Amino acid sequence: MTIFNTPILSNLFHRLTMLLLRVFGWRVEGQLPDIPKFVVVGAPHTSNWDFVLFLALAFALKANPRYMGKAELFRSPFGAFFRWCGGIPVDRSKSTGLVDQTVEAMNKARQFILVITPEGTRGKVREWKSGFYHIGKQAGVPIALGFIDRARKAIGLGPTFVLTEDMDADMKAIQSFYAGMVGINPRLTSELNKSA
């Protein structure tokens, strides 16, 4: 059980989230796809505040997402909290067949929403990591385009993208959705987002 499907608390957090977003001038755009399994791209990723906005979006849309985070986040004293928030610890120092393990977990589940930040870091990057793409492709699930745009004070889900056999074209099409979007920390917004 995660925080997103805990009885009573999930409804309480939904209402509180909608109130706080309104108070701080943020809006939620888009809606949850009506499909049981998909990968959500989360971009641009420039700040630790992205996690707070990820939680806000999940509560606002009444979603029950999972995300992968570096193993250090899941140590005491906050490890249980991050797991309760849907976290799956990942040891990035080891090559452990992460894509295969994730695909297997998705295949076994009846419902599975996985959020991945393709930038892989809060810093400015030259290219996205392709793990989200390979997970989506191997699991046979679509990619939903999740976003944070500080310029418009908007968080949300854009279109759902069905992958083709042309990875380069797919990646360009996905990245083009983020053109002009600004992260919470504008100076760390990737050039990919500025010119995709």
C-alpha atoms as a PDB file:
ATOM      1  CA  MET A   1       0.000   0.000   0.000  1.00  0.00           C
ATOM      2  CA  THR A   2       1.210   3.500  -0.816  1.00  0.00           C
ATOM      3  CA  ILE A   3       0.188   6.932   0.354  1.00  0.00           C
ATOM      4  CA  PHE A   4      -1.871   7.292  -2.837  1.00  0.00           C
ATOM      5  CA  ASN A   5      -4.245   4.421  -2.075  1.00  0.00           C
ATOM      6  CA  THR A   6      -4.362   4.562   1.723  1.00  0.00           C
ATOM      7  CA  PRO A   7      -8.050   4.813   2.708  1.00  0.00           C
ATOM      8  CA  ILE A   8      -9.207   8.182   4.041  1.00  0.00           C
ATOM      9  CA  LEU A   9      -5.724   9.723   3.712  1.00  0.00           C
ATOM     10  CA  SER A  10      -5.732   9.679  -0.095  1.00  0.00           C
ATOM     11  CA  ASN A  11      -9.014  11.653  -0.267  1.00  0.00           C
ATOM     12  CA  LEU A  12      -7.812  14.053   2.416  1.00  0.00           C
ATOM     13  CA  PHE A  13      -4.529  14.656   0.577  1.00  0.00           C
ATOM     14  CA  HIS A  14      -6.389  15.142  -2.721  1.00  0.00           C
ATOM     15  CA  ARG A  15      -8.486  17.947  -1.249  1.00  0.00           C
ATOM     16  CA  LEU A  16      -5.532  19.506   0.569  1.00  0.00           C
ATOM     17  CA  THR A  17      -3.389  19.361  -2.574  1.00  0.00           C
ATOM     18  CA  MET A  18      -6.009  21.057  -4.722  1.00  0.00           C
ATOM     19  CA  LEU A  19      -6.367  23.808  -2.118  1.00  0.00           C
ATOM     20  CA  LEU A  20      -2.601  24.385  -1.815  1.00  0.00           C
ATOM     21  CA  LEU A  21      -2.076  24.435  -5.569  1.00  0.00           C
ATOM     22  CA  ARG A  22      -4.819  27.046  -5.877  1.00  0.00           C
ATOM     23  CA  VAL A  23      -3.338  29.142  -3.046  1.00  0.00           C
ATOM     24  CA  PHE A  24       0.137  29.117  -4.617  1.00  0.00           C
ATOM     25  CA  GLY A  25      -1.191  29.810  -8.103  1.00  0.00           C
ATOM     26  CA  TRP A  26      -0.337  26.449  -9.687  1.00  0.00           C
ATOM     27  CA  ARG A  27      -2.699  24.561 -11.949  1.00  0.00           C
ATOM     28  CA  VAL A  28      -3.058  20.950 -13.023  1.00  0.00           C
ATOM     29  CA  GLU A  29      -3.426  20.172 -16.723  1.00  0.00           C
ATOM     30  CA  GLY A  30      -4.427  16.948 -18.459  1.00  0.00           C
ATOM     31  CA  GLN A  31      -5.858  13.777 -17.059  1.00  0.00           C
ATOM     32  CA  LEU A  32      -4.845  10.254 -16.172  1.00  0.00           C
ATOM     33  CA  PRO A  33      -4.917   7.909 -19.191  1.00  0.00           C
ATOM     34  CA  ASP A  34      -7.638   5.281 -18.913  1.00  0.00           C
ATOM     35  CA  ILE A  35      -5.187   2.384 -19.226  1.00  0.00           C
ATOM     36  CA  PRO A  36      -3.813   0.126 -16.474  1.00  0.00           C
ATOM     37  CA  LYS A  37      -0.083   0.341 -17.226  1.00  0.00           C
ATOM     38  CA  PHE A  38       2.144   3.062 -18.617  1.00  0.00           C
ATOM     39  CA  VAL A  39       5.425   4.878 -18.097  1.00  0.00           C
ATOM     40  CA  VAL A  40       5.343   8.596 -17.245  1.00  0.00           C
ATOM     41  CA  VAL A  41       8.224  10.777 -18.387  1.00  0.00           C
ATOM     42  CA  GLY A  42       8.825  13.470 -15.751  1.00  0.00           C
ATOM     43  CA  ALA A  43      10.586  16.537 -17.152  1.00  0.00           C
ATOM     44  CA  PRO A  44      12.183  18.964 -16.804  1.00  0.00           C
ATOM     45  CA  HIS A  45      13.867  17.737 -13.611  1.00  0.00           C
ATOM     46  CA  THR A  46      15.852  20.592 -12.030  1.00  0.00           C
ATOM     47  CA  SER A  47      15.102  20.666  -8.303  1.00  0.00           C
ATOM     48  CA  ASN A  48      14.304  18.625  -5.197  1.00  0.00           C
ATOM     49  CA  TRP A  49      10.955  20.470  -5.265  1.00  0.00           C
ATOM     50  CA  ASP A  50      10.074  18.345  -8.299  1.00  0.00           C
ATOM     51  CA  PHE A  51       9.320  15.508  -5.869  1.00  0.00           C
ATOM     52  CA  VAL A  52       6.821  17.667  -3.988  1.00  0.00           C
ATOM     53  CA  LEU A  53       5.127  18.614  -7.257  1.00  0.00           C
ATOM     54  CA  PHE A  54       5.163  14.935  -8.331  1.00  0.00           C
ATOM     55  CA  LEU A  55       3.249  14.109  -5.145  1.00  0.00           C
ATOM     56  CA  ALA A  56       0.867  17.010  -5.787  1.00  0.00           C
ATOM     57  CA  LEU A  57       0.158  15.817  -9.328  1.00  0.00           C
ATOM     58  CA  ALA A  58      -0.426  12.238  -8.169  1.00  0.00           C
ATOM     59  CA  PHE A  59      -2.889  13.380  -5.493  1.00  0.00           C
ATOM     60  CA  ALA A  60      -4.592  15.830  -7.856  1.00  0.00           C
ATOM     61  CA  LEU A  61      -5.144  13.136 -10.510  1.00  0.00           C
ATOM     62  CA  LYS A  62      -5.856  10.394  -7.943  1.00  0.00           C
ATOM     63  CA  ALA A  63      -3.074   8.264  -9.398  1.00  0.00           C
ATOM     64  CA  ASN A  64      -1.057   5.535  -7.680  1.00  0.00           C
ATOM     65  CA  PRO A  65       2.380   5.926  -9.295  1.00  0.00           C
ATOM     66  CA  ARG A  66       5.708   4.247  -8.604  1.00  0.00           C
ATOM     67  CA  TYR A  67       9.103   5.838  -9.128  1.00  0.00           C
ATOM     68  CA  MET A  68      12.717   4.757  -8.949  1.00  0.00           C
ATOM     69  CA  GLY A  69      15.095   6.647  -6.687  1.00  0.00           C
ATOM     70  CA  LYS A  70      18.709   6.277  -5.697  1.00  0.00           C
ATOM     71  CA  ALA A  71      19.147   3.717  -2.930  1.00  0.00           C
ATOM     72  CA  GLU A  72      20.520   6.344  -0.519  1.00  0.00           C
ATOM     73  CA  LEU A  73      17.048   7.947  -0.311  1.00  0.00           C
ATOM     74  CA  PHE A  74      15.640   4.744   1.168  1.00  0.00           C
ATOM     75  CA  ARG A  75      17.960   4.520   4.143  1.00  0.00           C
ATOM     76  CA  SER A  76      16.895   5.355   7.680  1.00  0.00           C
ATOM     77  CA  PRO A  77      15.289   7.583   8.845  1.00  0.00           C
ATOM     78  CA  PHE A  78      13.278   8.441   5.692  1.00  0.00           C
ATOM     79  CA  GLY A  79      13.377   5.152   3.769  1.00  0.00           C
ATOM     80  CA  ALA A  80       9.947   3.968   4.879  1.00  0.00           C
ATOM     81  CA  PHE A  81       8.441   7.325   3.903  1.00  0.00           C
ATOM     82  CA  PHE A  82       9.859   7.193   0.362  1.00  0.00           C
ATOM     83  CA  ARG A  83       8.625   3.602  -0.069  1.00  0.00           C
ATOM     84  CA  TRP A  84       5.187   4.667   1.177  1.00  0.00           C
ATOM     85  CA  CYS A  85       5.280   7.368  -1.511  1.00  0.00           C
ATOM     86  CA  GLY A  86       5.683   4.686  -4.196  1.00  0.00           C
ATOM     87  CA  GLY A  87       9.474   4.567  -4.291  1.00  0.00           C
ATOM     88  CA  ILE A  88      11.537   1.680  -5.595  1.00  0.00           C
ATOM     89  CA  PRO A  89      15.223   1.861  -4.485  1.00  0.00           C
ATOM     90  CA  VAL A  90      17.838   1.586  -7.230  1.00  0.00           C
ATOM     91  CA  ASP A  91      21.576   1.042  -6.785  1.00  0.00           C
ATOM     92  CA  ARG A  92      22.912   3.106  -9.666  1.00  0.00           C
ATOM     93  CA  SER A  93      26.482   1.921  -9.066  1.00  0.00           C
ATOM     94  CA  LYS A  94      25.613  -1.604 -10.268  1.00  0.00           C
ATOM     95  CA  SER A  95      24.478  -2.927 -13.608  1.00  0.00           C
ATOM     96  CA  THR A  96      21.675  -5.174 -12.367  1.00  0.00           C
ATOM     97  CA  GLY A  97      19.389  -5.540 -15.372  1.00  0.00           C
ATOM     98  CA  LEU A  98      17.192  -2.734 -14.102  1.00  0.00           C
ATOM     99  CA  VAL A  99      15.142  -2.539 -17.302  1.00  0.00           C
ATOM    100  CA  ASP A 100      14.437  -6.287 -17.256  1.00  0.00           C
ATOM    101  CA  GLN A 101      13.519  -6.240 -13.558  1.00  0.00           C
ATOM    102  CA  THR A 102      11.173  -3.300 -14.053  1.00  0.00           C
ATOM    103  CA  VAL A 103       9.526  -4.880 -17.096  1.00  0.00           C
ATOM    104  CA  GLU A 104       9.004  -8.086 -15.115  1.00  0.00           C
ATOM    105  CA  ALA A 105       7.390  -6.129 -12.257  1.00  0.00           C
ATOM    106  CA  MET A 106       5.095  -4.341 -14.723  1.00  0.00           C
ATOM    107  CA  ASN A 107       4.127  -7.607 -16.425  1.00  0.00           C
ATOM    108  CA  LYS A 108       3.192  -9.201 -13.091  1.00  0.00           C
ATOM    109  CA  ALA A 109       1.060  -6.282 -11.903  1.00  0.00           C
ATOM    110  CA  ARG A 110      -2.549  -5.631 -12.831  1.00  0.00           C
ATOM    111  CA  GLN A 111      -1.940  -1.882 -12.689  1.00  0.00           C
ATOM    112  CA  PHE A 112       1.414  -0.119 -12.786  1.00  0.00           C
ATOM    113  CA  ILE A 113       2.236   3.541 -13.372  1.00  0.00           C
ATOM    114  CA  LEU A 114       5.985   4.163 -13.395  1.00  0.00           C
ATOM    115  CA  VAL A 115       7.390   7.706 -13.297  1.00  0.00           C
ATOM    116  CA  ILE A 116      10.917   8.211 -14.620  1.00  0.00           C
ATOM    117  CA  THR A 117      12.947  11.403 -14.998  1.00  0.00           C
ATOM    118  CA  PRO A 118      14.920  10.796 -18.197  1.00  0.00           C
ATOM    119  CA  GLU A 119      17.445  13.472 -17.317  1.00  0.00           C
ATOM    120  CA  GLY A 120      18.505  11.210 -14.443  1.00  0.00           C
ATOM    121  CA  THR A 121      19.764  14.148 -12.403  1.00  0.00           C
ATOM    122  CA  ARG A 122      18.709  17.626 -11.337  1.00  0.00           C
ATOM    123  CA  GLY A 123      21.615  19.128 -13.294  1.00  0.00           C
ATOM    124  CA  LYS A 124      21.680  20.329 -16.867  1.00  0.00           C
ATOM    125  CA  VAL A 125      22.171  17.443 -19.312  1.00  0.00           C
ATOM    126  CA  ARG A 126      23.043  17.107 -22.984  1.00  0.00           C
ATOM    127  CA  GLU A 127      20.942  14.015 -23.596  1.00  0.00           C
ATOM    128  CA  TRP A 128      18.271  11.985 -21.871  1.00  0.00           C
ATOM    129  CA  LYS A 129      18.828   8.504 -20.499  1.00  0.00           C
ATOM    130  CA  SER A 130      16.843   5.995 -22.539  1.00  0.00           C
ATOM    131  CA  GLY A 131      15.788   3.593 -19.758  1.00  0.00           C
ATOM    132  CA  PHE A 132      12.192   4.837 -19.781  1.00  0.00           C
ATOM    133  CA  TYR A 133      12.009   4.110 -23.506  1.00  0.00           C
ATOM    134  CA  HIS A 134      13.366   0.572 -23.206  1.00  0.00           C
ATOM    135  CA  ILE A 135      11.040  -0.201 -20.286  1.00  0.00           C
ATOM    136  CA  GLY A 136       8.036   1.059 -22.254  1.00  0.00           C
ATOM    137  CA  LYS A 137       9.077  -0.814 -25.382  1.00  0.00           C
ATOM    138  CA  GLN A 138       9.821  -4.136 -23.690  1.00  0.00           C
ATOM    139  CA  ALA A 139       6.707  -3.999 -21.499  1.00  0.00           C
ATOM    140  CA  GLY A 140       4.571  -2.990 -24.480  1.00  0.00           C
ATOM    141  CA  VAL A 141       3.137   0.031 -22.670  1.00  0.00           C
ATOM    142  CA  PRO A 142       2.733   3.628 -23.836  1.00  0.00           C
ATOM    143  CA  ILE A 143       4.608   6.671 -22.558  1.00  0.00           C
ATOM    144  CA  ALA A 144       2.643   9.489 -20.907  1.00  0.00           C
ATOM    145  CA  LEU A 145       4.296  12.898 -21.035  1.00  0.00           C
ATOM    146  CA  GLY A 146       4.348  14.354 -17.518  1.00  0.00           C
ATOM    147  CA  PHE A 147       5.628  17.867 -16.986  1.00  0.00           C
ATOM    148  CA  ILE A 148       6.454  20.742 -14.686  1.00  0.00           C
ATOM    149  CA  ASP A 149       6.469  24.192 -16.251  1.00  0.00           C
ATOM    150  CA  ARG A 150       7.442  26.972 -13.869  1.00  0.00           C
ATOM    151  CA  ALA A 151       6.890  29.619 -16.543  1.00  0.00           C
ATOM    152  CA  ARG A 152       3.152  28.815 -16.626  1.00  0.00           C
ATOM    153  CA  LYS A 153       2.993  27.479 -13.044  1.00  0.00           C
ATOM    154  CA  ALA A 154       1.536  24.264 -14.425  1.00  0.00           C
ATOM    155  CA  ILE A 155       2.019  20.567 -13.708  1.00  0.00           C
ATOM    156  CA  GLY A 156       0.307  17.800 -15.544  1.00  0.00           C
ATOM    157  CA  LEU A 157       0.132  15.039 -18.083  1.00  0.00           C
ATOM    158  CA  GLY A 158       0.289  15.742 -21.783  1.00  0.00           C
ATOM    159  CA  PRO A 159      -0.430  13.265 -24.547  1.00  0.00           C
ATOM    160  CA  THR A 160       0.182   9.536 -24.330  1.00  0.00           C
ATOM    161  CA  PHE A 161       2.751   8.375 -26.860  1.00  0.00           C
ATOM    162  CA  VAL A 162       2.721   4.900 -28.434  1.00  0.00           C
ATOM    163  CA  LEU A 163       6.247   3.812 -29.296  1.00  0.00           C
ATOM    164  CA  THR A 164       7.164   2.778 -32.835  1.00  0.00           C
ATOM    165  CA  GLU A 165      10.121   0.833 -34.243  1.00  0.00           C
ATOM    166  CA  ASP A 166      12.096   4.058 -34.780  1.00  0.00           C
ATOM    167  CA  MET A 167      13.686   4.999 -31.449  1.00  0.00           C
ATOM    168  CA  ASP A 168      15.408   8.142 -32.741  1.00  0.00           C
ATOM    169  CA  ALA A 169      12.193   9.533 -34.199  1.00  0.00           C
ATOM    170  CA  ASP A 170      10.246   8.593 -31.060  1.00  0.00           C
ATOM    171  CA  MET A 171      12.761  10.307 -28.764  1.00  0.00           C
ATOM    172  CA  LYS A 172      12.700  13.474 -30.887  1.00  0.00           C
ATOM    173  CA  ALA A 173       8.907  13.515 -30.903  1.00  0.00           C
ATOM    174  CA  ILE A 174       8.736  13.008 -27.133  1.00  0.00           C
ATOM    175  CA  GLN A 175      11.375  15.657 -26.419  1.00  0.00           C
ATOM    176  CA  SER A 176       9.685  18.153 -28.738  1.00  0.00           C
ATOM    177  CA  PHE A 177       6.693  18.204 -26.369  1.00  0.00           C
ATOM    178  CA  TYR A 178       8.925  19.799 -23.712  1.00  0.00           C
ATOM    179  CA  ALA A 179      10.253  22.619 -25.912  1.00  0.00           C
ATOM    180  CA  GLY A 180       9.960  25.897 -24.041  1.00  0.00           C
ATOM    181  CA  MET A 181       9.102  24.365 -20.671  1.00  0.00           C
ATOM    182  CA  VAL A 182      11.089  25.697 -17.729  1.00  0.00           C
ATOM    183  CA  GLY A 183      12.004  23.711 -14.629  1.00  0.00           C
ATOM    184  CA  ILE A 184      11.698  24.913 -11.048  1.00  0.00           C
ATOM    185  CA  ASN A 185      15.363  25.940 -11.200  1.00  0.00           C
ATOM    186  CA  PRO A 186      15.492  27.677 -14.614  1.00  0.00           C
ATOM    187  CA  ARG A 187      19.292  27.800 -14.836  1.00  0.00           C
ATOM    188  CA  LEU A 188      19.411  23.981 -14.710  1.00  0.00           C
ATOM    189  CA  THR A 189      16.769  23.473 -17.404  1.00  0.00           C
ATOM    190  CA  SER A 190      18.311  21.280 -20.083  1.00  0.00           C
ATOM    191  CA  GLU A 191      19.083  22.716 -23.470  1.00  0.00           C
ATOM    192  CA  LEU A 192      16.960  19.846 -24.801  1.00  0.00           C
ATOM    193  CA  ASN A 193      13.897  21.455 -23.217  1.00  0.00           C
ATOM    194  CA  LYS A 194      14.805  24.854 -24.550  1.00  0.00           C
ATOM    195  CA  SER A 195      15.242  23.787 -28.124  1.00  0.00           C
ATOM    196  CA  ALA A 196      13.681  20.352 -28.551  1.00  0.00           C
END
